[in-house]
Amino acid sequence: MLKTSDLKLKEVINVIDGKRLGNITDIEIDVETGRLTAIVVPGVGKFLGLFGRNEDVVIPWDKINKIGMDVILVEAGSFGELKHG
């Protein structure tokens, strides 16, 4: 059993390029089925992280490869494949 508070502690890493995408800031749930449909991580900083950041990145559930003890491995070729929230 996994709690949403446990998910927020895990770092999200893209297995394609090894980039750290950050920690989960939110989740999306289909209210009709009660299933988790996506995780949300913060967008990349615009200029050295000083002037805000881009929109959050929504990673669909089917892009998640593995949820480990400390990290969540996702497979996204580029940010272009992911939705921005």
Protein backbone atom coordinates (compact mmCIF):
# COMPACT_ATOMS: atom_id res chain seq x y z
CA MET A 1 0.00 0.00 0.00
CA LEU A 2 1.32 3.43 -0.96
CA LYS A 3 0.12 6.78 0.40
CA THR A 4 0.17 10.05 -1.54
CA SER A 5 2.36 11.53 1.19
CA ASP A 6 4.89 8.74 0.48
CA LEU A 7 4.85 9.59 -3.24
CA LYS A 8 5.69 13.25 -2.57
CA LEU A 9 8.93 12.23 -0.83
CA LYS A 10 10.24 10.34 -3.86
CA GLU A 11 12.33 11.99 -6.56
CA VAL A 12 11.19 11.52 -10.16
CA ILE A 13 13.91 10.55 -12.66
CA ASN A 14 13.65 10.17 -16.43
CA VAL A 15 15.29 6.86 -17.42
CA ILE A 16 15.85 8.03 -21.01
CA ASP A 17 18.36 10.75 -20.16
CA GLY A 18 18.89 10.32 -16.39
CA LYS A 19 17.53 13.81 -15.61
CA ARG A 20 16.06 14.53 -12.23
CA LEU A 21 12.61 15.98 -12.77
CA GLY A 22 12.01 16.86 -9.12
CA ASN A 23 9.59 15.69 -6.47
CA ILE A 24 5.89 15.17 -7.01
CA THR A 25 3.90 18.31 -6.24
CA ASP A 26 0.46 16.94 -7.12
CA ILE A 27 -1.39 13.97 -8.57
CA GLU A 28 -4.30 13.59 -10.98
CA ILE A 29 -7.10 11.15 -10.21
CA ASP A 30 -9.97 10.02 -12.43
CA VAL A 31 -12.92 10.64 -10.10
CA GLU A 32 -15.17 8.21 -11.96
CA THR A 33 -12.82 5.22 -11.61
CA GLY A 34 -10.86 6.36 -8.55
CA ARG A 35 -7.58 5.60 -10.35
CA LEU A 36 -4.46 7.72 -10.32
CA THR A 37 -3.92 8.93 -13.90
CA ALA A 38 -0.83 11.16 -13.64
CA ILE A 39 1.78 12.69 -11.38
CA VAL A 40 2.80 16.35 -11.49
CA VAL A 41 6.33 17.70 -11.04
CA PRO A 42 7.49 21.35 -11.07
CA GLY A 43 8.45 22.87 -14.41
CA VAL A 44 12.02 23.78 -15.27
CA GLY A 45 13.24 27.22 -14.10
CA LYS A 46 13.13 29.97 -16.73
CA PHE A 47 16.46 31.64 -15.94
CA LEU A 48 18.63 29.92 -13.36
CA GLY A 49 15.46 29.41 -11.33
CA LEU A 50 15.44 33.10 -10.38
CA PHE A 51 12.47 34.39 -12.32
CA GLY A 52 9.78 31.84 -11.60
CA ARG A 53 9.35 28.62 -13.47
CA ASN A 54 7.51 27.20 -16.42
CA GLU A 55 4.22 25.40 -16.03
CA ASP A 56 4.17 22.16 -14.08
CA VAL A 57 4.86 18.94 -15.99
CA VAL A 58 2.15 16.27 -15.95
CA ILE A 59 3.50 12.73 -16.34
CA PRO A 60 0.86 10.17 -17.36
CA TRP A 61 0.65 7.00 -15.29
CA ASP A 62 1.59 4.83 -18.29
CA LYS A 63 4.99 6.61 -18.47
CA ILE A 64 5.92 5.39 -14.97
CA ASN A 65 8.30 2.41 -15.15
CA LYS A 66 9.01 1.71 -11.49
CA ILE A 67 8.24 3.11 -8.07
CA GLY A 68 11.20 2.34 -5.83
CA MET A 69 12.03 3.03 -2.21
CA ASP A 70 13.52 6.48 -2.94
CA VAL A 71 12.76 7.30 -6.58
CA ILE A 72 10.12 7.02 -9.27
CA LEU A 73 11.50 6.08 -12.69
CA VAL A 74 9.61 7.47 -15.68
CA GLU A 75 10.19 7.05 -19.39
CA ALA A 76 9.80 10.26 -21.33
CA GLY A 77 11.89 10.88 -24.41
CA SER A 78 11.57 14.63 -23.93
CA PHE A 79 9.43 17.19 -22.18
CA GLY A 80 7.60 17.56 -25.49
CA GLU A 81 6.00 14.16 -24.86
CA LEU A 82 4.64 15.30 -21.52
CA LYS A 83 1.69 17.57 -20.84
CA HIS A 84 2.21 20.91 -19.17
CA GLY A 85 -0.31 21.91 -16.54
